[in-house]
């Protein structure tokens, strides 16, 4: 049977999902997609994601790779999928790719954001599923100081769940962008942490944000943050920031993996 390799760009509200990866008896993004695709294809379809987002983590740019029958063009499959998917999962775009495309291993960069709400309204149920409410004082210069030290190549053992990578993996990540910025114009008062790298370790962004917030809140000295960048374990890391503020914004791939539309 002739086949096509497609990339799906996904938006989802992670609140009601138990993460990306299929889990028995749990509602997951991968599981919902595979159920709907199997119904459309009449056979199992494996969905591979660029990143395995945790329970409660959102996405505006998750990428997935699938192989389907040739009659499913990118545009046709996107339209039909969006008619079948639940309200909290949407295919923003679909592209035909070369057969070697793999959503995880072909990616050259991933970008996440983490939103912190500083006004009283951040605790509203209409905002807190997307934003971490924060009522304590924050030293914004300290946040920026920490973020600036992330750019470059570091081993992130101090900011990762143990066992997140094999023992022979050096846990190194090349960080291209790390910054705190004001929330987008027109939104209530808040801060957003943007970070992009070639890869991320399990809970890495949440550990980074949790530790930066403690430094900026005066609970830890700046030296603790730099020490964790070279630490061999995560014994001294702060608790991870809640999943609620984290969003996978984009995944980058080489242009030669995309076939002409």
C-alpha atoms as a PDB file:
ATOM      1  CA  UNK A   1       0.000   0.000   0.000  1.00  0.00           C
ATOM      2  CA  UNK A   2       1.344   3.410  -0.968  1.00  0.00           C
ATOM      3  CA  UNK A   3       1.859   5.683   2.026  1.00  0.00           C
ATOM      4  CA  UNK A   4       2.557   9.286   3.011  1.00  0.00           C
ATOM      5  CA  UNK A   5       4.613  10.596   5.908  1.00  0.00           C
ATOM      6  CA  UNK A   6       2.940  13.608   7.497  1.00  0.00           C
ATOM      7  CA  UNK A   7       3.781  16.126  10.177  1.00  0.00           C
ATOM      8  CA  UNK A   8       0.960  17.371  12.407  1.00  0.00           C
ATOM      9  CA  UNK A   9       1.360  20.643  14.315  1.00  0.00           C
ATOM     10  CA  UNK A  10      -0.798  20.411  17.417  1.00  0.00           C
ATOM     11  CA  UNK A  11      -2.416  22.805  19.858  1.00  0.00           C
ATOM     12  CA  UNK A  12      -3.792  21.393  23.097  1.00  0.00           C
ATOM     13  CA  UNK A  13      -4.971  22.455  26.506  1.00  0.00           C
ATOM     14  CA  UNK A  14      -3.156  19.990  28.744  1.00  0.00           C
ATOM     15  CA  UNK A  15      -5.469  20.406  31.737  1.00  0.00           C
ATOM     16  CA  UNK A  16      -7.555  17.287  31.138  1.00  0.00           C
ATOM     17  CA  UNK A  17      -4.762  15.165  29.647  1.00  0.00           C
ATOM     18  CA  UNK A  18      -2.504  12.848  31.663  1.00  0.00           C
ATOM     19  CA  UNK A  19       0.371  13.959  29.447  1.00  0.00           C
ATOM     20  CA  UNK A  20       1.417  13.083  25.909  1.00  0.00           C
ATOM     21  CA  UNK A  21       2.374   9.420  26.106  1.00  0.00           C
ATOM     22  CA  UNK A  22      -0.126   6.553  25.956  1.00  0.00           C
ATOM     23  CA  UNK A  23      -0.944   5.192  29.427  1.00  0.00           C
ATOM     24  CA  UNK A  24      -3.406   2.371  30.136  1.00  0.00           C
ATOM     25  CA  UNK A  25      -6.703   3.723  31.395  1.00  0.00           C
ATOM     26  CA  UNK A  26      -5.599   7.370  31.132  1.00  0.00           C
ATOM     27  CA  UNK A  27      -6.598  10.083  28.662  1.00  0.00           C
ATOM     28  CA  UNK A  28      -3.467  11.238  26.819  1.00  0.00           C
ATOM     29  CA  UNK A  29      -2.794  13.307  23.709  1.00  0.00           C
ATOM     30  CA  UNK A  30      -1.045  10.476  21.874  1.00  0.00           C
ATOM     31  CA  UNK A  31      -3.780   8.051  22.887  1.00  0.00           C
ATOM     32  CA  UNK A  32      -6.622  10.252  21.631  1.00  0.00           C
ATOM     33  CA  UNK A  33      -4.844  10.885  18.322  1.00  0.00           C
ATOM     34  CA  UNK A  34      -4.106   7.196  17.770  1.00  0.00           C
ATOM     35  CA  UNK A  35      -7.712   6.228  18.519  1.00  0.00           C
ATOM     36  CA  UNK A  36      -9.126   8.726  16.027  1.00  0.00           C
ATOM     37  CA  UNK A  37      -6.534   7.935  13.351  1.00  0.00           C
ATOM     38  CA  UNK A  38      -7.113   4.180  13.696  1.00  0.00           C
ATOM     39  CA  UNK A  39     -10.820   4.771  13.129  1.00  0.00           C
ATOM     40  CA  UNK A  40     -10.137   6.856  10.010  1.00  0.00           C
ATOM     41  CA  UNK A  41      -7.427   4.574   8.610  1.00  0.00           C
ATOM     42  CA  UNK A  42      -9.104   1.283   9.511  1.00  0.00           C
ATOM     43  CA  UNK A  43      -5.809   0.107  11.023  1.00  0.00           C
ATOM     44  CA  UNK A  44      -3.470   1.166  13.859  1.00  0.00           C
ATOM     45  CA  UNK A  45      -1.484   4.370  13.261  1.00  0.00           C
ATOM     46  CA  UNK A  46       1.567   5.141  15.386  1.00  0.00           C
ATOM     47  CA  UNK A  47       1.841   8.803  16.431  1.00  0.00           C
ATOM     48  CA  UNK A  48       5.308  10.007  17.463  1.00  0.00           C
ATOM     49  CA  UNK A  49       5.659  13.346  19.231  1.00  0.00           C
ATOM     50  CA  UNK A  50       8.596  15.724  19.311  1.00  0.00           C
ATOM     51  CA  UNK A  51       8.291  16.000  23.087  1.00  0.00           C
ATOM     52  CA  UNK A  52       6.539  13.960  25.759  1.00  0.00           C
ATOM     53  CA  UNK A  53       4.753  16.727  27.622  1.00  0.00           C
ATOM     54  CA  UNK A  54       3.662  15.926  31.186  1.00  0.00           C
ATOM     55  CA  UNK A  55       0.164  16.037  32.639  1.00  0.00           C
ATOM     56  CA  UNK A  56      -1.172  19.591  32.622  1.00  0.00           C
ATOM     57  CA  UNK A  57       1.420  20.947  30.169  1.00  0.00           C
ATOM     58  CA  UNK A  58       0.002  22.768  27.143  1.00  0.00           C
ATOM     59  CA  UNK A  59       1.160  23.052  23.536  1.00  0.00           C
ATOM     60  CA  UNK A  60       0.855  25.624  20.775  1.00  0.00           C
ATOM     61  CA  UNK A  61       3.442  23.943  18.590  1.00  0.00           C
ATOM     62  CA  UNK A  62       3.819  20.253  19.399  1.00  0.00           C
ATOM     63  CA  UNK A  63       4.870  18.307  16.302  1.00  0.00           C
ATOM     64  CA  UNK A  64       3.965  14.710  15.534  1.00  0.00           C
ATOM     65  CA  UNK A  65       4.906  12.320  12.745  1.00  0.00           C
ATOM     66  CA  UNK A  66       2.563   9.716  11.269  1.00  0.00           C
ATOM     67  CA  UNK A  67       2.499   7.380   8.271  1.00  0.00           C
ATOM     68  CA  UNK A  68      -0.897   7.016   6.584  1.00  0.00           C
ATOM     69  CA  UNK A  69      -2.410   5.712   3.362  1.00  0.00           C
ATOM     70  CA  UNK A  70      -1.591   7.753   0.273  1.00  0.00           C
ATOM     71  CA  UNK A  71      -5.142   9.019  -0.195  1.00  0.00           C
ATOM     72  CA  UNK A  72      -4.790  11.053   3.024  1.00  0.00           C
ATOM     73  CA  UNK A  73      -3.290  14.296   1.793  1.00  0.00           C
ATOM     74  CA  UNK A  74      -2.101  16.709   4.480  1.00  0.00           C
ATOM     75  CA  UNK A  75      -5.002  19.103   3.973  1.00  0.00           C
ATOM     76  CA  UNK A  76      -7.669  16.399   3.812  1.00  0.00           C
ATOM     77  CA  UNK A  77      -6.447  14.627   6.935  1.00  0.00           C
ATOM     78  CA  UNK A  78      -6.253  17.877   8.899  1.00  0.00           C
ATOM     79  CA  UNK A  79      -9.852  18.756   8.028  1.00  0.00           C
ATOM     80  CA  UNK A  80     -11.216  15.330   8.917  1.00  0.00           C
ATOM     81  CA  UNK A  81      -9.170  15.042  12.108  1.00  0.00           C
ATOM     82  CA  UNK A  82     -10.402  18.384  13.397  1.00  0.00           C
ATOM     83  CA  UNK A  83     -13.987  17.226  12.848  1.00  0.00           C
ATOM     84  CA  UNK A  84     -13.326  14.185  15.052  1.00  0.00           C
ATOM     85  CA  UNK A  85     -10.982  15.449  17.779  1.00  0.00           C
ATOM     86  CA  UNK A  86     -12.202  16.727  21.177  1.00  0.00           C
ATOM     87  CA  UNK A  87     -12.455  20.421  21.987  1.00  0.00           C
ATOM     88  CA  UNK A  88      -9.078  20.572  23.772  1.00  0.00           C
ATOM     89  CA  UNK A  89      -6.981  19.167  20.900  1.00  0.00           C
ATOM     90  CA  UNK A  90      -6.618  20.794  17.473  1.00  0.00           C
ATOM     91  CA  UNK A  91      -4.446  20.238  14.406  1.00  0.00           C
ATOM     92  CA  UNK A  92      -3.139  23.702  13.528  1.00  0.00           C
ATOM     93  CA  UNK A  93      -1.271  22.571  10.406  1.00  0.00           C
ATOM     94  CA  UNK A  94      -0.284  19.453   8.483  1.00  0.00           C
ATOM     95  CA  UNK A  95       2.633  19.007   6.087  1.00  0.00           C
ATOM     96  CA  UNK A  96       3.818  16.193   3.859  1.00  0.00           C
ATOM     97  CA  UNK A  97       7.366  15.165   4.750  1.00  0.00           C
ATOM     98  CA  UNK A  98      10.102  12.983   3.309  1.00  0.00           C
ATOM     99  CA  UNK A  99       9.870   9.339   4.471  1.00  0.00           C
ATOM    100  CA  UNK A 100      12.851   9.649   6.847  1.00  0.00           C
ATOM    101  CA  UNK A 101      11.147  12.373   8.911  1.00  0.00           C
ATOM    102  CA  UNK A 102      10.841  11.551  12.614  1.00  0.00           C
ATOM    103  CA  UNK A 103       9.159  14.067  14.917  1.00  0.00           C
ATOM    104  CA  UNK A 104      11.572  13.456  17.786  1.00  0.00           C
ATOM    105  CA  UNK A 105      14.911  12.586  16.216  1.00  0.00           C
ATOM    106  CA  UNK A 106      14.722  14.982  13.242  1.00  0.00           C
ATOM    107  CA  UNK A 107      14.115  18.039  15.443  1.00  0.00           C
ATOM    108  CA  UNK A 108      16.937  20.571  15.730  1.00  0.00           C
ATOM    109  CA  UNK A 109      15.343  22.799  18.391  1.00  0.00           C
ATOM    110  CA  UNK A 110      12.376  23.063  20.713  1.00  0.00           C
ATOM    111  CA  UNK A 111      10.983  26.190  22.371  1.00  0.00           C
ATOM    112  CA  UNK A 112       8.956  26.407  25.573  1.00  0.00           C
ATOM    113  CA  UNK A 113       7.351  29.247  27.488  1.00  0.00           C
ATOM    114  CA  UNK A 114       6.374  29.475  31.145  1.00  0.00           C
ATOM    115  CA  UNK A 115       3.810  32.081  32.248  1.00  0.00           C
ATOM    116  CA  UNK A 116       3.725  33.660  35.716  1.00  0.00           C
ATOM    117  CA  UNK A 117       0.822  35.949  36.663  1.00  0.00           C
ATOM    118  CA  UNK A 118       1.664  38.790  39.058  1.00  0.00           C
ATOM    119  CA  UNK A 119      -1.750  40.422  39.450  1.00  0.00           C
ATOM    120  CA  UNK A 120      -4.555  39.270  41.738  1.00  0.00           C
ATOM    121  CA  UNK A 121      -6.634  38.123  38.782  1.00  0.00           C
ATOM    122  CA  UNK A 122      -4.074  35.445  37.917  1.00  0.00           C
ATOM    123  CA  UNK A 123      -5.789  33.242  40.504  1.00  0.00           C
ATOM    124  CA  UNK A 124      -9.050  33.342  38.538  1.00  0.00           C
ATOM    125  CA  UNK A 125     -10.121  29.910  37.247  1.00  0.00           C
ATOM    126  CA  UNK A 126     -10.267  31.469  33.777  1.00  0.00           C
ATOM    127  CA  UNK A 127      -6.514  32.165  33.856  1.00  0.00           C
ATOM    128  CA  UNK A 128      -4.889  29.758  36.258  1.00  0.00           C
ATOM    129  CA  UNK A 129      -5.074  26.776  33.901  1.00  0.00           C
ATOM    130  CA  UNK A 130      -2.542  28.678  31.727  1.00  0.00           C
ATOM    131  CA  UNK A 131      -0.633  30.770  34.276  1.00  0.00           C
ATOM    132  CA  UNK A 132       1.085  30.243  37.633  1.00  0.00           C
ATOM    133  CA  UNK A 133      -0.394  32.813  40.066  1.00  0.00           C
ATOM    134  CA  UNK A 134       2.401  34.529  42.035  1.00  0.00           C
ATOM    135  CA  UNK A 135       1.659  36.993  44.839  1.00  0.00           C
ATOM    136  CA  UNK A 136       5.116  37.311  46.434  1.00  0.00           C
ATOM    137  CA  UNK A 137       7.753  39.880  45.526  1.00  0.00           C
ATOM    138  CA  UNK A 138      10.162  38.977  42.727  1.00  0.00           C
ATOM    139  CA  UNK A 139      13.534  40.496  41.919  1.00  0.00           C
ATOM    140  CA  UNK A 140      13.279  40.759  38.141  1.00  0.00           C
ATOM    141  CA  UNK A 141      16.970  41.516  37.762  1.00  0.00           C
ATOM    142  CA  UNK A 142      17.719  38.229  39.538  1.00  0.00           C
ATOM    143  CA  UNK A 143      15.454  36.377  37.107  1.00  0.00           C
ATOM    144  CA  UNK A 144      17.273  37.923  34.159  1.00  0.00           C
ATOM    145  CA  UNK A 145      20.660  37.166  35.763  1.00  0.00           C
ATOM    146  CA  UNK A 146      19.781  33.477  36.068  1.00  0.00           C
ATOM    147  CA  UNK A 147      18.383  33.256  32.542  1.00  0.00           C
ATOM    148  CA  UNK A 148      21.505  34.819  31.032  1.00  0.00           C
ATOM    149  CA  UNK A 149      23.639  32.037  32.507  1.00  0.00           C
ATOM    150  CA  UNK A 150      21.678  29.336  30.740  1.00  0.00           C
ATOM    151  CA  UNK A 151      22.662  30.272  27.188  1.00  0.00           C
ATOM    152  CA  UNK A 152      25.272  27.913  25.792  1.00  0.00           C
ATOM    153  CA  UNK A 153      26.097  24.246  26.354  1.00  0.00           C
ATOM    154  CA  UNK A 154      25.652  22.870  29.862  1.00  0.00           C
ATOM    155  CA  UNK A 155      25.126  19.491  31.485  1.00  0.00           C
ATOM    156  CA  UNK A 156      21.755  19.801  33.180  1.00  0.00           C
ATOM    157  CA  UNK A 157      21.958  16.910  35.659  1.00  0.00           C
ATOM    158  CA  UNK A 158      21.197  19.400  38.433  1.00  0.00           C
ATOM    159  CA  UNK A 159      17.926  20.372  36.746  1.00  0.00           C
ATOM    160  CA  UNK A 160      16.581  16.991  35.622  1.00  0.00           C
ATOM    161  CA  UNK A 161      14.758  13.999  37.041  1.00  0.00           C
ATOM    162  CA  UNK A 162      17.210  11.215  37.810  1.00  0.00           C
ATOM    163  CA  UNK A 163      17.210   8.551  35.137  1.00  0.00           C
ATOM    164  CA  UNK A 164      15.946  11.017  32.533  1.00  0.00           C
ATOM    165  CA  UNK A 165      18.797   9.968  30.227  1.00  0.00           C
ATOM    166  CA  UNK A 166      21.016   6.865  29.994  1.00  0.00           C
ATOM    167  CA  UNK A 167      24.117   6.694  32.189  1.00  0.00           C
ATOM    168  CA  UNK A 168      26.366   7.145  29.159  1.00  0.00           C
ATOM    169  CA  UNK A 169      24.494  10.336  28.164  1.00  0.00           C
ATOM    170  CA  UNK A 170      26.262  13.504  29.315  1.00  0.00           C
ATOM    171  CA  UNK A 171      22.891  15.282  29.845  1.00  0.00           C
ATOM    172  CA  UNK A 172      24.237  18.202  27.792  1.00  0.00           C
ATOM    173  CA  UNK A 173      21.802  20.618  26.170  1.00  0.00           C
ATOM    174  CA  UNK A 174      22.649  23.545  23.905  1.00  0.00           C
ATOM    175  CA  UNK A 175      20.461  26.465  24.998  1.00  0.00           C
ATOM    176  CA  UNK A 176      19.923  29.032  22.219  1.00  0.00           C
ATOM    177  CA  UNK A 177      17.502  31.369  24.009  1.00  0.00           C
ATOM    178  CA  UNK A 178      16.710  31.999  27.677  1.00  0.00           C
ATOM    179  CA  UNK A 179      14.955  35.177  28.763  1.00  0.00           C
ATOM    180  CA  UNK A 180      12.261  36.611  30.996  1.00  0.00           C
ATOM    181  CA  UNK A 181       9.959  39.142  29.351  1.00  0.00           C
ATOM    182  CA  UNK A 182       6.724  40.960  30.150  1.00  0.00           C
ATOM    183  CA  UNK A 183       3.527  39.143  29.241  1.00  0.00           C
ATOM    184  CA  UNK A 184       2.226  39.926  25.770  1.00  0.00           C
ATOM    185  CA  UNK A 185       0.662  43.389  25.283  1.00  0.00           C
ATOM    186  CA  UNK A 186      -3.026  43.447  26.111  1.00  0.00           C
ATOM    187  CA  UNK A 187      -2.714  40.694  28.713  1.00  0.00           C
ATOM    188  CA  UNK A 188      -2.825  41.302  32.482  1.00  0.00           C
ATOM    189  CA  UNK A 189       0.427  41.905  34.338  1.00  0.00           C
ATOM    190  CA  UNK A 190       2.790  38.982  34.280  1.00  0.00           C
ATOM    191  CA  UNK A 191       6.107  37.544  33.165  1.00  0.00           C
ATOM    192  CA  UNK A 192       6.955  34.868  30.626  1.00  0.00           C
ATOM    193  CA  UNK A 193      10.110  32.750  30.540  1.00  0.00           C
ATOM    194  CA  UNK A 194      11.116  31.761  26.994  1.00  0.00           C
ATOM    195  CA  UNK A 195      13.687  29.008  26.501  1.00  0.00           C
ATOM    196  CA  UNK A 196      14.862  27.213  23.354  1.00  0.00           C
ATOM    197  CA  UNK A 197      17.396  24.401  23.069  1.00  0.00           C
ATOM    198  CA  UNK A 198      18.352  21.444  20.936  1.00  0.00           C
ATOM    199  CA  UNK A 199      16.723  19.197  23.531  1.00  0.00           C
ATOM    200  CA  UNK A 200      15.303  19.207  27.061  1.00  0.00           C
ATOM    201  CA  UNK A 201      15.546  16.698  29.883  1.00  0.00           C
ATOM    202  CA  UNK A 202      12.558  15.468  31.894  1.00  0.00           C
ATOM    203  CA  UNK A 203      11.096  18.306  34.017  1.00  0.00           C
ATOM    204  CA  UNK A 204      14.095  20.486  33.097  1.00  0.00           C
ATOM    205  CA  UNK A 205      12.134  23.662  32.319  1.00  0.00           C
ATOM    206  CA  UNK A 206       9.996  23.292  35.428  1.00  0.00           C
ATOM    207  CA  UNK A 207      13.065  22.760  37.636  1.00  0.00           C
ATOM    208  CA  UNK A 208      14.711  25.815  36.064  1.00  0.00           C
ATOM    209  CA  UNK A 209      11.661  28.003  36.648  1.00  0.00           C
ATOM    210  CA  UNK A 210      11.129  26.729  40.185  1.00  0.00           C
ATOM    211  CA  UNK A 211      14.728  27.479  41.117  1.00  0.00           C
ATOM    212  CA  UNK A 212      14.776  30.890  39.423  1.00  0.00           C
ATOM    213  CA  UNK A 213      11.609  31.911  41.270  1.00  0.00           C
ATOM    214  CA  UNK A 214      13.193  30.939  44.596  1.00  0.00           C
ATOM    215  CA  UNK A 215      16.329  32.943  43.772  1.00  0.00           C
ATOM    216  CA  UNK A 216      14.255  35.948  42.689  1.00  0.00           C
ATOM    217  CA  UNK A 217      12.096  35.598  45.797  1.00  0.00           C
ATOM    218  CA  UNK A 218      15.115  35.779  48.084  1.00  0.00           C
ATOM    219  CA  UNK A 219      14.862  32.167  49.240  1.00  0.00           C
ATOM    220  CA  UNK A 220      18.156  31.111  47.631  1.00  0.00           C
ATOM    221  CA  UNK A 221      21.356  32.911  46.658  1.00  0.00           C
ATOM    222  CA  UNK A 222      22.327  33.303  43.011  1.00  0.00           C
ATOM    223  CA  UNK A 223      25.357  31.108  43.613  1.00  0.00           C
ATOM    224  CA  UNK A 224      23.054  28.117  44.122  1.00  0.00           C
ATOM    225  CA  UNK A 225      21.777  28.505  40.582  1.00  0.00           C
ATOM    226  CA  UNK A 226      25.222  28.509  38.990  1.00  0.00           C
ATOM    227  CA  UNK A 227      26.284  25.588  41.186  1.00  0.00           C
ATOM    228  CA  UNK A 228      23.358  23.530  39.897  1.00  0.00           C
ATOM    229  CA  UNK A 229      24.506  24.126  36.313  1.00  0.00           C
ATOM    230  CA  UNK A 230      27.595  22.025  37.028  1.00  0.00           C
ATOM    231  CA  UNK A 231      26.089  19.683  39.635  1.00  0.00           C
ATOM    232  CA  UNK A 232      26.298  15.917  39.153  1.00  0.00           C
ATOM    233  CA  UNK A 233      22.862  15.312  40.738  1.00  0.00           C
ATOM    234  CA  UNK A 234      19.624  17.166  41.388  1.00  0.00           C
ATOM    235  CA  UNK A 235      19.891  16.833  45.189  1.00  0.00           C
ATOM    236  CA  UNK A 236      19.893  20.609  45.741  1.00  0.00           C
ATOM    237  CA  UNK A 237      17.398  21.715  43.107  1.00  0.00           C
ATOM    238  CA  UNK A 238      14.242  23.590  44.097  1.00  0.00           C
ATOM    239  CA  UNK A 239      10.837  21.924  43.636  1.00  0.00           C
ATOM    240  CA  UNK A 240       9.684  22.070  40.010  1.00  0.00           C
ATOM    241  CA  UNK A 241       7.265  24.826  39.073  1.00  0.00           C
ATOM    242  CA  UNK A 242       3.729  23.491  38.493  1.00  0.00           C
ATOM    243  CA  UNK A 243       2.896  22.183  35.032  1.00  0.00           C
ATOM    244  CA  UNK A 244       0.111  24.739  34.631  1.00  0.00           C
ATOM    245  CA  UNK A 245       2.277  27.580  33.274  1.00  0.00           C
ATOM    246  CA  UNK A 246       4.312  25.526  30.792  1.00  0.00           C
ATOM    247  CA  UNK A 247       3.640  25.459  27.048  1.00  0.00           C
ATOM    248  CA  UNK A 248       5.516  23.809  24.164  1.00  0.00           C
ATOM    249  CA  UNK A 249       5.572  26.663  21.658  1.00  0.00           C
ATOM    250  CA  UNK A 250       7.453  25.355  18.619  1.00  0.00           C
ATOM    251  CA  UNK A 251       9.650  22.608  17.210  1.00  0.00           C
ATOM    252  CA  UNK A 252      12.183  23.317  14.450  1.00  0.00           C
ATOM    253  CA  UNK A 253      13.197  20.980  11.614  1.00  0.00           C
ATOM    254  CA  UNK A 254      15.542  21.238   8.609  1.00  0.00           C
ATOM    255  CA  UNK A 255      13.787  22.691   5.567  1.00  0.00           C
ATOM    256  CA  UNK A 256      14.763  19.763   3.344  1.00  0.00           C
ATOM    257  CA  UNK A 257      12.449  17.430   5.287  1.00  0.00           C
ATOM    258  CA  UNK A 258       9.363  19.239   3.951  1.00  0.00           C
ATOM    259  CA  UNK A 259       7.926  18.261   0.581  1.00  0.00           C
ATOM    260  CA  UNK A 260       6.420  20.986  -1.628  1.00  0.00           C
ATOM    261  CA  UNK A 261       2.743  21.587  -0.893  1.00  0.00           C
END
